[in-house]
């Protein structure tokens, strides 16, 4: 087994593991280090693959990074929740004390 990527957090690990599985590469998440306790860089989960799949997995991960797919899942959900946000604002505006 070989480490092909060290993630910032579990969300990145999930995105990468799903992409590798879609490509037919068996991969698993290793230790999490201390990122769950302290926000230190490069101490998040590691992605392991078999040695023969390492080069292909690295290429897939690099493509995900170039396309912004790894960090896309970490973006704000503000746009997705915009309708609910507006609804809650309207309730708050209607409320009188």
Protein backbone atom coordinates (compact mmCIF):
# COMPACT_ATOMS: atom_id res chain seq x y z
CA UNK A 1 0.00 0.00 0.00
CA UNK A 2 1.10 3.52 -0.71
CA UNK A 3 -0.04 6.94 0.51
CA UNK A 4 -1.13 9.02 -2.49
CA UNK A 5 -2.62 12.06 -0.76
CA UNK A 6 -2.93 13.65 2.66
CA UNK A 7 -6.24 15.49 2.96
CA UNK A 8 -7.04 18.66 4.85
CA UNK A 9 -10.22 17.12 6.28
CA UNK A 10 -12.72 14.29 6.00
CA UNK A 11 -14.72 16.03 3.28
CA UNK A 12 -11.72 16.05 0.96
CA UNK A 13 -11.09 12.40 1.78
CA UNK A 14 -14.67 11.52 0.89
CA UNK A 15 -14.53 13.34 -2.46
CA UNK A 16 -11.24 11.65 -3.38
CA UNK A 17 -12.31 8.19 -2.22
CA UNK A 18 -15.50 8.44 -4.29
CA UNK A 19 -13.61 9.59 -7.39
CA UNK A 20 -11.10 6.75 -7.05
CA UNK A 21 -13.90 4.21 -6.54
CA UNK A 22 -15.63 5.53 -9.68
CA UNK A 23 -12.35 4.93 -11.54
CA UNK A 24 -12.21 1.35 -10.24
CA UNK A 25 -9.35 1.97 -7.81
CA UNK A 26 -9.61 0.41 -4.38
CA UNK A 27 -8.59 3.03 -1.84
CA UNK A 28 -9.06 3.59 1.85
CA UNK A 29 -8.68 6.36 4.39
CA UNK A 30 -5.89 6.09 6.91
CA UNK A 31 -5.15 7.89 10.14
CA UNK A 32 -6.45 11.38 10.77
CA UNK A 33 -3.52 12.82 12.66
CA UNK A 34 -4.40 15.84 14.77
CA UNK A 35 -6.49 17.92 12.34
CA UNK A 36 -9.68 17.00 14.15
CA UNK A 37 -8.27 18.57 17.33
CA UNK A 38 -6.10 21.40 16.02
CA UNK A 39 -6.42 23.05 12.58
CA UNK A 40 -2.93 22.13 11.43
CA UNK A 41 -2.20 21.73 7.71
CA UNK A 42 -1.44 18.32 6.25
CA UNK A 43 -2.41 16.33 9.32
CA UNK A 44 -5.75 15.17 8.00
CA UNK A 45 -6.75 11.76 6.71
CA UNK A 46 -4.46 9.97 4.30
CA UNK A 47 -5.55 8.12 1.18
CA UNK A 48 -3.95 4.74 0.56
CA UNK A 49 -4.02 2.69 -2.64
CA UNK A 50 -2.18 -0.38 -3.81
CA UNK A 51 1.27 0.31 -5.22
CA UNK A 52 0.26 -0.65 -8.76
CA UNK A 53 -2.63 1.89 -8.69
CA UNK A 54 -0.62 4.73 -7.12
CA UNK A 55 0.36 6.54 -10.32
CA UNK A 56 -3.14 6.43 -11.79
CA UNK A 57 -4.68 7.49 -8.46
CA UNK A 58 -2.26 10.42 -8.22
CA UNK A 59 -3.26 11.54 -11.72
CA UNK A 60 -6.95 11.39 -10.81
CA UNK A 61 -6.35 13.36 -7.61
CA UNK A 62 -4.31 15.99 -9.49
CA UNK A 63 -7.15 16.36 -11.99
CA UNK A 64 -9.65 16.79 -9.15
CA UNK A 65 -7.43 19.47 -7.63
CA UNK A 66 -7.04 21.28 -10.96
CA UNK A 67 -10.80 21.27 -11.52
CA UNK A 68 -11.46 22.45 -7.98
CA UNK A 69 -13.57 19.39 -7.20
CA UNK A 70 -11.78 18.66 -3.92
CA UNK A 71 -12.41 22.10 -2.45
CA UNK A 72 -15.84 22.57 -4.03
CA UNK A 73 -17.41 20.45 -1.29
CA UNK A 74 -15.95 22.82 1.32
CA UNK A 75 -17.59 25.92 -0.14
CA UNK A 76 -20.41 27.75 1.56
CA UNK A 77 -23.87 26.30 1.27
CA UNK A 78 -25.32 29.83 1.18
CA UNK A 79 -26.46 29.56 -2.46
CA UNK A 80 -28.03 26.16 -1.91
CA UNK A 81 -29.91 27.37 1.15
CA UNK A 82 -30.88 30.78 -0.25
CA UNK A 83 -34.64 30.02 -0.36
CA UNK A 84 -34.67 28.86 3.26
CA UNK A 85 -32.58 31.86 4.33
CA UNK A 86 -35.06 34.25 2.71
CA UNK A 87 -37.97 32.42 4.33
CA UNK A 88 -36.40 32.65 7.79
CA UNK A 89 -35.67 36.35 7.25
CA UNK A 90 -39.30 36.95 6.34
CA UNK A 91 -40.46 35.17 9.51
CA UNK A 92 -38.08 37.25 11.57
CA UNK A 93 -39.31 40.47 9.93
CA UNK A 94 -42.97 39.56 10.60
CA UNK A 95 -42.35 38.80 14.25
CA UNK A 96 -43.36 41.58 16.62
CA UNK A 97 -42.55 41.63 20.28
